[in-house]
N, C-alpha and C. Protein backbone atom coordinates (compact mmCIF):
# COMPACT_ATOMS: atom_id res chain seq x y z
N MET A 1 38.73 -21.42 43.23
CA MET A 1 39.04 -20.05 41.97
C MET A 1 39.91 -19.50 41.08
N SER A 2 40.83 -18.99 42.73
CA SER A 2 41.76 -18.25 41.94
C SER A 2 43.03 -18.74 41.31
N GLU A 3 43.30 -20.31 41.10
CA GLU A 3 43.71 -21.51 39.90
C GLU A 3 43.20 -20.74 38.87
N HIS A 4 41.90 -20.57 38.87
CA HIS A 4 41.39 -20.15 37.39
C HIS A 4 41.03 -18.59 36.94
N PHE A 5 41.02 -17.83 37.85
CA PHE A 5 40.70 -17.09 37.88
C PHE A 5 42.91 -15.79 37.46
N ASP A 6 43.41 -17.38 37.62
CA ASP A 6 44.79 -16.19 37.41
C ASP A 6 45.14 -16.96 36.37
N LEU A 7 44.76 -18.43 35.79
CA LEU A 7 44.67 -18.38 34.21
C LEU A 7 44.25 -17.71 33.48
N ALA A 8 42.93 -16.81 33.49
CA ALA A 8 42.12 -16.18 32.87
C ALA A 8 42.83 -14.73 32.66
N ARG A 9 43.58 -14.68 33.73
CA ARG A 9 44.22 -13.33 33.44
C ARG A 9 45.44 -12.88 32.97
N GLU A 10 46.03 -14.47 33.31
CA GLU A 10 47.82 -14.31 33.00
C GLU A 10 46.60 -14.55 31.35
N ALA A 11 46.01 -15.39 30.58
CA ALA A 11 46.03 -15.95 29.20
C ALA A 11 45.54 -13.94 28.56
N LEU A 12 44.67 -13.80 28.94
CA LEU A 12 44.31 -12.20 28.55
C LEU A 12 44.91 -11.30 29.18
N SER A 13 45.97 -11.64 29.60
CA SER A 13 46.84 -9.95 29.86
C SER A 13 47.77 -10.09 28.54
N ARG A 14 48.57 -11.30 28.07
CA ARG A 14 49.57 -11.40 27.47
C ARG A 14 49.07 -10.51 25.48
N PHE A 15 48.08 -10.45 25.41
CA PHE A 15 47.85 -8.83 25.02
C PHE A 15 47.00 -8.20 24.74
N GLY A 16 47.24 -7.58 25.56
CA GLY A 16 47.18 -5.96 26.76
C GLY A 16 46.80 -6.32 27.88
N GLU A 17 46.50 -4.50 27.84
CA GLU A 17 46.61 -4.34 29.74
C GLU A 17 44.04 -4.54 29.92
N LEU A 18 44.71 -4.97 31.01
CA LEU A 18 43.49 -5.15 31.90
C LEU A 18 42.55 -4.27 32.59
N ARG A 19 42.24 -3.40 32.08
CA ARG A 19 40.76 -3.07 32.72
C ARG A 19 39.63 -3.36 34.12
N TRP A 20 39.38 -4.63 33.42
CA TRP A 20 38.45 -4.92 34.79
C TRP A 20 38.95 -6.89 33.39
N ILE A 21 37.87 -7.28 35.15
CA ILE A 21 37.47 -9.13 34.21
C ILE A 21 36.85 -9.50 35.95
N ARG A 22 35.93 -10.72 35.88
CA ARG A 22 35.49 -11.30 36.12
C ARG A 22 35.24 -12.70 36.07
N LEU A 23 35.23 -13.65 36.84
CA LEU A 23 35.26 -15.48 36.01
C LEU A 23 34.10 -15.65 37.37
N SER A 24 33.39 -16.60 36.48
CA SER A 24 32.53 -17.19 37.35
C SER A 24 32.41 -18.94 36.59
N GLY A 25 32.82 -19.58 37.84
CA GLY A 25 33.24 -21.19 38.24
C GLY A 25 34.20 -21.89 39.06
N GLY A 26 33.29 -22.79 39.37
CA GLY A 26 34.23 -23.82 40.24
C GLY A 26 32.98 -23.66 41.57
N ARG A 27 33.30 -23.96 42.91
CA ARG A 27 32.61 -24.64 43.85
C ARG A 27 32.07 -23.72 44.40
N HIS A 28 31.43 -23.12 44.88
CA HIS A 28 30.88 -21.90 45.51
C HIS A 28 31.36 -21.90 46.81
N PRO A 29 32.03 -20.73 47.46
CA PRO A 29 32.47 -20.64 49.22
C PRO A 29 32.53 -21.07 49.82
N ILE A 30 31.42 -20.39 49.94
CA ILE A 30 30.08 -21.21 51.68
C ILE A 30 28.73 -22.66 51.33
N TYR A 31 28.30 -22.45 50.02
CA TYR A 31 27.72 -23.32 49.71
C TYR A 31 27.65 -24.77 49.17
N GLY A 32 28.93 -24.54 48.40
CA GLY A 32 29.61 -25.55 48.13
C GLY A 32 28.97 -26.29 46.78
N TYR A 33 28.66 -25.24 45.77
CA TYR A 33 28.05 -25.97 44.55
C TYR A 33 28.79 -25.11 43.38
N GLN A 34 28.40 -26.07 42.65
CA GLN A 34 29.28 -25.64 41.45
C GLN A 34 28.77 -24.51 40.25
N GLN A 35 29.16 -23.31 40.43
CA GLN A 35 29.11 -22.11 40.09
C GLN A 35 29.13 -22.03 38.59
N VAL A 36 28.25 -21.94 37.49
CA VAL A 36 28.03 -21.58 35.78
C VAL A 36 29.14 -20.86 35.36
N PRO A 37 30.17 -21.17 34.65
CA PRO A 37 31.04 -20.85 34.13
C PRO A 37 30.78 -19.65 33.35
N PHE A 38 31.58 -18.34 32.90
CA PHE A 38 31.53 -17.71 32.28
C PHE A 38 32.63 -16.66 32.62
N LEU A 39 33.30 -15.73 31.48
CA LEU A 39 34.50 -14.61 32.25
C LEU A 39 33.90 -13.65 31.22
N GLY A 40 33.63 -12.26 32.12
CA GLY A 40 33.93 -11.02 31.58
C GLY A 40 35.22 -10.59 32.06
N TRP A 41 35.50 -9.41 30.62
CA TRP A 41 37.22 -8.65 30.44
C TRP A 41 36.60 -7.41 29.86
N ARG A 42 37.90 -6.39 30.12
CA ARG A 42 37.49 -5.33 29.57
C ARG A 42 38.88 -4.79 29.30
N PHE A 43 39.20 -4.89 27.86
CA PHE A 43 40.51 -3.94 27.55
C PHE A 43 40.95 -3.35 27.34
N ALA A 44 42.06 -2.43 27.97
CA ALA A 44 42.57 -0.81 28.89
C ALA A 44 42.18 -0.33 26.45
N GLU A 45 42.74 -1.07 26.18
CA GLU A 45 42.24 -0.77 24.70
C GLU A 45 41.62 -1.77 23.52
N PRO A 46 40.33 -2.20 23.29
CA PRO A 46 39.54 -2.59 23.11
C PRO A 46 40.34 -2.99 21.75
N ASP A 47 40.25 -4.33 19.80
CA ASP A 47 40.45 -4.04 19.33
C ASP A 47 39.88 -5.25 18.20
N GLU A 48 39.63 -5.47 17.25
CA GLU A 48 39.47 -6.70 16.70
C GLU A 48 40.04 -6.97 16.45
N GLU A 49 41.74 -7.32 16.45
CA GLU A 49 42.59 -7.62 16.56
C GLU A 49 42.79 -8.79 18.32
N LYS A 50 42.16 -8.12 19.08
CA LYS A 50 42.66 -9.30 20.07
C LYS A 50 40.75 -9.59 20.13
N LEU A 51 40.09 -9.51 19.46
CA LEU A 51 39.02 -10.38 19.73
C LEU A 51 39.13 -11.49 19.43
N ARG A 52 39.94 -11.18 17.68
CA ARG A 52 40.12 -11.60 16.62
C ARG A 52 40.94 -13.44 17.34
N THR A 53 41.62 -12.83 18.66
CA THR A 53 42.41 -13.92 18.81
C THR A 53 42.30 -15.02 19.78
N VAL A 54 40.87 -13.46 20.68
CA VAL A 54 39.94 -14.91 21.24
C VAL A 54 39.55 -15.53 20.89
N GLU A 55 38.49 -15.94 19.49
CA GLU A 55 37.60 -15.74 18.94
C GLU A 55 38.45 -17.38 18.30
N ASP A 56 40.25 -17.40 17.56
CA ASP A 56 40.47 -18.07 17.45
C ASP A 56 40.64 -19.12 18.30
N ALA A 57 41.28 -18.85 19.54
CA ALA A 57 41.25 -20.19 20.59
C ALA A 57 40.21 -20.98 20.80
N ARG A 58 39.79 -20.21 20.76
CA ARG A 58 37.32 -20.57 21.12
C ARG A 58 37.43 -21.14 20.13
N THR A 59 37.31 -20.81 19.00
CA THR A 59 36.97 -22.09 17.90
C THR A 59 38.50 -23.02 17.91
N ALA A 60 39.82 -22.60 18.31
CA ALA A 60 40.76 -23.90 18.25
C ALA A 60 40.50 -25.28 18.96
N THR A 61 39.92 -24.63 20.60
CA THR A 61 40.11 -25.29 21.42
C THR A 61 39.10 -26.67 21.22
N PRO A 62 39.02 -27.66 21.44
CA PRO A 62 38.26 -29.05 20.92
C PRO A 62 36.51 -28.81 22.95
N THR A 63 35.82 -28.27 22.91
CA THR A 63 35.06 -28.71 23.95
C THR A 63 33.47 -28.86 23.76
N ARG A 64 33.46 -28.96 25.42
CA ARG A 64 31.89 -30.30 24.98
C ARG A 64 30.68 -29.69 24.64
N TYR A 65 31.16 -28.08 24.48
CA TYR A 65 29.70 -27.52 24.35
C TYR A 65 30.26 -25.67 23.90
N GLU A 66 29.58 -25.92 23.25
CA GLU A 66 29.24 -24.52 21.96
C GLU A 66 29.41 -23.37 22.61
N TRP A 67 30.73 -22.29 22.86
CA TRP A 67 31.08 -21.02 23.17
C TRP A 67 30.73 -19.82 22.50
N ARG A 68 30.44 -19.00 22.99
CA ARG A 68 30.47 -18.10 22.69
C ARG A 68 30.39 -16.19 23.23
N ILE A 69 31.27 -15.26 22.26
CA ILE A 69 32.00 -14.22 22.78
C ILE A 69 31.15 -13.06 22.79
N ASP A 70 30.35 -12.68 23.52
CA ASP A 70 29.55 -11.28 23.43
C ASP A 70 30.23 -9.65 23.85
N THR A 71 30.28 -9.18 22.59
CA THR A 71 30.57 -8.17 22.50
C THR A 71 29.92 -6.74 22.96
N SER A 72 28.46 -7.21 22.74
CA SER A 72 27.71 -6.13 22.87
C SER A 72 27.74 -5.10 23.73
N ARG A 73 28.80 -5.12 25.00
CA ARG A 73 28.81 -3.90 26.37
C ARG A 73 30.68 -3.69 26.09
N ARG A 74 30.66 -2.38 27.24
CA ARG A 74 31.66 -2.84 27.19
C ARG A 74 32.43 -3.34 27.39
N ASN A 75 32.09 -4.50 28.75
CA ASN A 75 32.42 -5.61 28.95
C ASN A 75 32.45 -6.93 28.08
N TRP A 76 33.78 -7.45 27.56
CA TRP A 76 33.71 -8.87 26.43
C TRP A 76 32.66 -10.13 27.39
N VAL A 77 31.81 -10.75 27.02
CA VAL A 77 31.71 -11.73 27.89
C VAL A 77 32.12 -13.33 26.98
N LEU A 78 32.58 -14.78 27.39
CA LEU A 78 33.37 -15.43 27.40
C LEU A 78 32.15 -16.48 27.66
N ALA A 79 31.06 -17.08 27.31
CA ALA A 79 29.59 -18.23 27.89
C ALA A 79 29.87 -19.08 27.56
N PRO A 80 28.80 -19.81 27.69
CA PRO A 80 28.71 -20.64 26.55
C PRO A 80 27.51 -20.31 25.87
N SER A 81 26.55 -20.77 25.17
CA SER A 81 25.56 -20.54 25.14
C SER A 81 24.36 -21.16 24.84
N ARG A 82 23.91 -21.64 25.77
CA ARG A 82 23.34 -22.22 26.63
C ARG A 82 22.88 -20.92 27.09
N LEU A 83 24.28 -20.28 28.13
CA LEU A 83 23.69 -19.58 28.64
C LEU A 83 23.78 -17.87 28.51
N LEU A 84 24.11 -17.78 27.38
CA LEU A 84 24.32 -16.70 26.73
C LEU A 84 22.68 -16.86 25.21
N GLY A 85 22.01 -17.94 25.47
CA GLY A 85 21.06 -18.00 24.68
C GLY A 85 21.01 -17.38 22.97
N GLU A 86 19.72 -17.43 22.88
CA GLU A 86 19.48 -17.45 21.38
C GLU A 86 20.72 -15.90 20.81
N ALA A 87 20.89 -16.56 19.88
CA ALA A 87 21.87 -15.67 18.63
C ALA A 87 21.27 -14.30 18.89
N GLY A 88 21.85 -13.37 19.26
CA GLY A 88 21.48 -11.83 19.70
C GLY A 88 20.65 -11.70 20.70
N GLU A 89 21.11 -12.40 21.53
CA GLU A 89 20.84 -12.70 22.99
C GLU A 89 21.68 -11.72 23.77
N HIS A 90 22.04 -11.52 24.59
CA HIS A 90 23.59 -10.94 25.33
C HIS A 90 23.73 -11.34 27.17
N ALA A 91 24.55 -11.48 27.14
CA ALA A 91 24.58 -11.18 28.86
C ALA A 91 23.86 -9.93 29.56
N ALA A 92 23.95 -8.98 28.97
CA ALA A 92 22.77 -7.88 29.43
C ALA A 92 21.76 -8.13 29.33
N SER A 93 21.18 -9.11 28.75
CA SER A 93 19.29 -9.47 28.70
C SER A 93 18.73 -9.95 29.98
N PRO A 94 17.40 -9.25 30.26
CA PRO A 94 17.35 -9.87 31.55
C PRO A 94 17.56 -10.90 31.52
N GLU A 95 16.93 -12.29 30.94
CA GLU A 95 16.78 -13.41 30.97
C GLU A 95 18.58 -14.02 31.19
N PHE A 96 19.48 -14.09 31.33
CA PHE A 96 21.37 -14.10 31.89
C PHE A 96 20.22 -14.22 33.27
N ASP A 97 20.86 -14.23 34.29
CA ASP A 97 20.37 -14.65 35.82
C ASP A 97 19.73 -15.58 34.83
N GLU A 98 18.34 -15.04 34.99
CA GLU A 98 17.14 -16.74 34.61
C GLU A 98 18.14 -18.01 34.53
N ARG A 99 18.49 -17.86 33.52
CA ARG A 99 19.64 -18.90 33.27
C ARG A 99 20.13 -19.65 33.77
N VAL A 100 21.44 -18.47 34.52
CA VAL A 100 22.83 -18.43 35.36
C VAL A 100 21.82 -19.48 36.37
N SER A 101 20.35 -18.89 37.06
CA SER A 101 20.27 -20.30 37.81
C SER A 101 19.34 -21.17 37.41
N GLN A 102 19.05 -21.44 36.43
CA GLN A 102 18.68 -22.35 36.18
C GLN A 102 19.89 -23.97 35.84
N LEU A 103 20.66 -22.84 35.21
CA LEU A 103 21.81 -23.86 34.88
C LEU A 103 22.59 -24.61 35.54
N MET A 104 22.72 -23.82 36.89
CA MET A 104 23.40 -24.50 37.98
C MET A 104 22.78 -25.35 38.86
N ARG A 105 21.58 -25.57 38.15
CA ARG A 105 21.11 -26.84 38.36
C ARG A 105 21.76 -28.70 37.95
N ASP A 106 22.06 -28.41 36.61
CA ASP A 106 23.27 -28.98 36.25
C ASP A 106 23.75 -29.33 36.52
N GLN A 107 24.65 -29.31 37.84
CA GLN A 107 25.85 -29.40 38.22
C GLN A 107 26.82 -29.97 37.32
N GLU A 108 26.67 -31.45 36.65
CA GLU A 108 27.23 -31.74 35.60
C GLU A 108 27.70 -30.93 34.11
N PHE A 109 26.57 -30.04 33.71
CA PHE A 109 27.35 -28.75 32.49
C PHE A 109 27.92 -28.27 33.33
N CYS A 110 27.90 -27.75 34.98
CA CYS A 110 28.50 -26.47 35.29
C CYS A 110 30.26 -26.56 35.12
N VAL A 111 30.57 -28.52 35.94
CA VAL A 111 31.66 -28.90 36.17
C VAL A 111 32.39 -28.88 34.52
N ARG A 112 31.80 -29.42 33.56
CA ARG A 112 32.09 -29.88 32.10
C ARG A 112 32.65 -28.60 31.49
N ALA A 113 31.70 -27.63 31.70
CA ALA A 113 31.39 -26.24 30.91
C ALA A 113 33.20 -25.67 31.32
N LEU A 114 32.94 -26.12 32.93
CA LEU A 114 34.68 -25.37 33.29
C LEU A 114 35.68 -25.88 32.87
N GLU A 115 35.55 -27.29 32.82
CA GLU A 115 36.84 -28.01 32.24
C GLU A 115 37.04 -27.63 30.53
N ASP A 116 35.61 -26.55 29.69
CA ASP A 116 35.96 -26.55 28.75
C ASP A 116 36.75 -24.45 28.96
N LEU A 117 35.81 -24.06 29.61
CA LEU A 117 36.70 -22.94 29.69
C LEU A 117 38.33 -22.80 29.74
N ASP A 118 38.76 -23.69 30.79
CA ASP A 118 40.57 -23.82 31.12
C ASP A 118 40.56 -24.01 30.20
N ALA A 119 40.18 -25.24 29.09
CA ALA A 119 40.99 -25.35 28.37
C ALA A 119 41.28 -24.24 26.98
N ILE A 120 40.13 -23.58 27.41
CA ILE A 120 40.03 -22.40 25.87
C ILE A 120 41.29 -21.40 26.34
N LEU A 121 40.95 -21.32 27.78
CA LEU A 121 41.79 -20.33 28.20
C LEU A 121 43.43 -20.75 27.50
N ARG A 122 44.41 -22.22 28.12
CA ARG A 122 44.68 -22.24 27.65
C ARG A 122 45.92 -22.62 26.76
N THR A 123 44.29 -21.94 25.30
CA THR A 123 44.67 -22.25 24.07
C THR A 123 45.50 -20.91 24.48
N LEU A 124 44.38 -20.40 24.89
CA LEU A 124 44.92 -18.34 24.89
C LEU A 124 46.31 -18.04 25.14
N ARG A 125 46.54 -19.04 26.30
CA ARG A 125 47.93 -18.61 26.88
C ARG A 125 48.69 -18.76 25.76
N LYS A 126 48.87 -19.68 25.63
CA LYS A 126 49.74 -20.37 24.25
C LYS A 126 50.11 -19.56 23.09
N GLN A 127 49.09 -18.89 23.13
CA GLN A 127 48.59 -18.13 21.38
C GLN A 127 49.45 -16.49 21.66
N GLY A 128 49.39 -16.65 23.25
CA GLY A 128 49.67 -15.12 23.81
C GLY A 128 51.62 -15.16 23.40
N LYS A 129 51.79 -13.27 23.72
CA LYS A 129 53.75 -12.92 23.93
C LYS A 129 53.85 -13.58 24.63
N GLY A 130 55.02 -13.59 24.53
CA GLY A 130 55.98 -13.94 25.98
C GLY A 130 56.06 -15.15 26.40
């Protein structure tokens, strides 16, 4: 997991100071199952340009699944649309945890979605300064 986390932190840090970051995905360290991948973060100074950059990386990257960015709260979340639910729903909705549990049963989805997330982060890292 730390390789994925390091990639996420490196990619996002190129656009501004991070105040908080959380990455879900990869093999659970105790139970061994694949976890549902998503990325949450908060910039010290969020703005439309930073959001546009992440959106550009998301749309420019070929993925197996559709991904969305939820900016409805202080922490932004990049997640597969299957996890976020219908348009207008967000990561803070009560159904989010239920969808995590349901999607965890689809281990192939978890593996392939983590590959998607890595690809998006690699695109984002290439777009960054430095």
